[in-house]
Amino acid sequence: MSRLTITLSEARYRALKEASAQHNKTIGQLVEESLDFYGIKSRQDARDLVRRARVHSKLTEDQAVAVAQEQVRAVRGKP
């Protein structure tokens, strides 16, 4: 597991500590859940997701990749 150091304002840090206590989770768990919520995945996780979706959708690999790229752009708000 990797470690990460980030800089937060005191107010944001206090809010994060309060949220972790209220939800009975660590700050790390809240960060992990937030990353999942925003769809931030490793390349391998993303490839596995595309592969599974493709099997269920009957799309070709090129079609599945195009759909995945379109969805990522939509979520990230990029043209």
Protein backbone atom coordinates (compact mmCIF):
# COMPACT_ATOMS: atom_id res chain seq x y z
CA MET A 1 0.00 0.00 0.00
CA SER A 2 1.36 3.43 -0.90
CA ARG A 3 1.38 6.49 1.32
CA LEU A 4 0.42 9.99 0.23
CA THR A 5 0.94 13.35 1.88
CA ILE A 6 -1.49 16.14 1.02
CA THR A 7 -1.93 19.67 2.27
CA LEU A 8 -5.39 20.73 3.45
CA SER A 9 -6.68 23.85 5.12
CA GLU A 10 -7.29 23.45 8.84
CA ALA A 11 -11.04 23.73 8.26
CA ARG A 12 -11.00 20.99 5.60
CA TYR A 13 -8.86 18.74 7.78
CA ARG A 14 -11.20 19.17 10.77
CA ALA A 15 -14.22 18.44 8.55
CA LEU A 16 -12.51 15.31 7.23
CA LYS A 17 -11.70 14.11 10.75
CA GLU A 18 -15.29 14.76 11.85
CA ALA A 19 -16.69 12.91 8.84
CA SER A 20 -14.43 9.93 9.48
CA ALA A 21 -15.58 9.78 13.10
CA GLN A 22 -19.25 10.14 12.17
CA HIS A 23 -19.00 7.34 9.61
CA ASN A 24 -16.76 5.20 11.82
CA LYS A 25 -14.12 5.07 9.08
CA THR A 26 -10.53 6.13 8.73
CA ILE A 27 -9.57 9.15 6.67
CA GLY A 28 -7.89 6.73 4.26
CA GLN A 29 -11.14 4.80 3.83
CA LEU A 30 -13.01 8.04 3.07
CA VAL A 31 -10.40 9.00 0.48
CA GLU A 32 -10.60 5.54 -1.14
CA GLU A 33 -14.42 5.77 -1.29
CA SER A 34 -14.19 9.24 -2.81
CA LEU A 35 -11.83 7.99 -5.50
CA ASP A 36 -14.22 5.13 -6.26
CA PHE A 37 -17.11 7.60 -6.42
CA TYR A 38 -15.26 9.67 -9.00
CA GLY A 39 -14.37 6.59 -11.02
CA ILE A 40 -10.63 6.88 -10.50
CA LYS A 41 -9.22 3.45 -11.25
CA SER A 42 -5.94 1.88 -12.24
CA ARG A 43 -5.49 1.13 -15.94
CA GLN A 44 -5.82 -2.57 -15.22
CA ASP A 45 -9.08 -2.08 -13.28
CA ALA A 46 -10.41 0.03 -16.15
CA ARG A 47 -9.40 -2.62 -18.71
CA ASP A 48 -11.08 -5.34 -16.65
CA LEU A 49 -14.25 -3.25 -16.43
CA VAL A 50 -14.28 -2.69 -20.20
CA ARG A 51 -13.65 -6.40 -20.81
CA ARG A 52 -16.55 -7.44 -18.55
CA ALA A 53 -18.88 -4.87 -20.07
CA ARG A 54 -17.92 -5.96 -23.57
CA VAL A 55 -18.73 -9.60 -22.82
CA HIS A 56 -22.21 -8.61 -21.64
CA SER A 57 -22.90 -6.11 -24.40
CA LYS A 58 -21.70 -8.07 -27.45
CA LEU A 59 -19.62 -5.07 -28.58
CA THR A 60 -16.34 -5.47 -30.41
CA GLU A 61 -13.22 -4.42 -28.52
CA ASP A 62 -12.96 -1.20 -30.56
CA GLN A 63 -16.62 -0.36 -29.91
CA ALA A 64 -16.26 -1.02 -26.18
CA VAL A 65 -13.15 1.16 -25.93
CA ALA A 66 -14.91 3.98 -27.82
CA VAL A 67 -17.90 3.83 -25.47
CA ALA A 68 -15.60 3.77 -22.42
CA GLN A 69 -13.63 6.79 -23.67
CA GLU A 70 -16.83 8.68 -24.37
CA GLN A 71 -18.10 8.01 -20.86
CA VAL A 72 -14.83 9.05 -19.24
CA ARG A 73 -14.89 12.32 -21.18
CA ALA A 74 -18.49 12.92 -20.13
CA VAL A 75 -17.73 12.31 -16.45
CA ARG A 76 -14.62 14.46 -16.52
CA GLY A 77 -16.43 17.22 -18.45
CA LYS A 78 -13.95 17.24 -21.31
CA PRO A 79 -14.89 17.42 -25.00
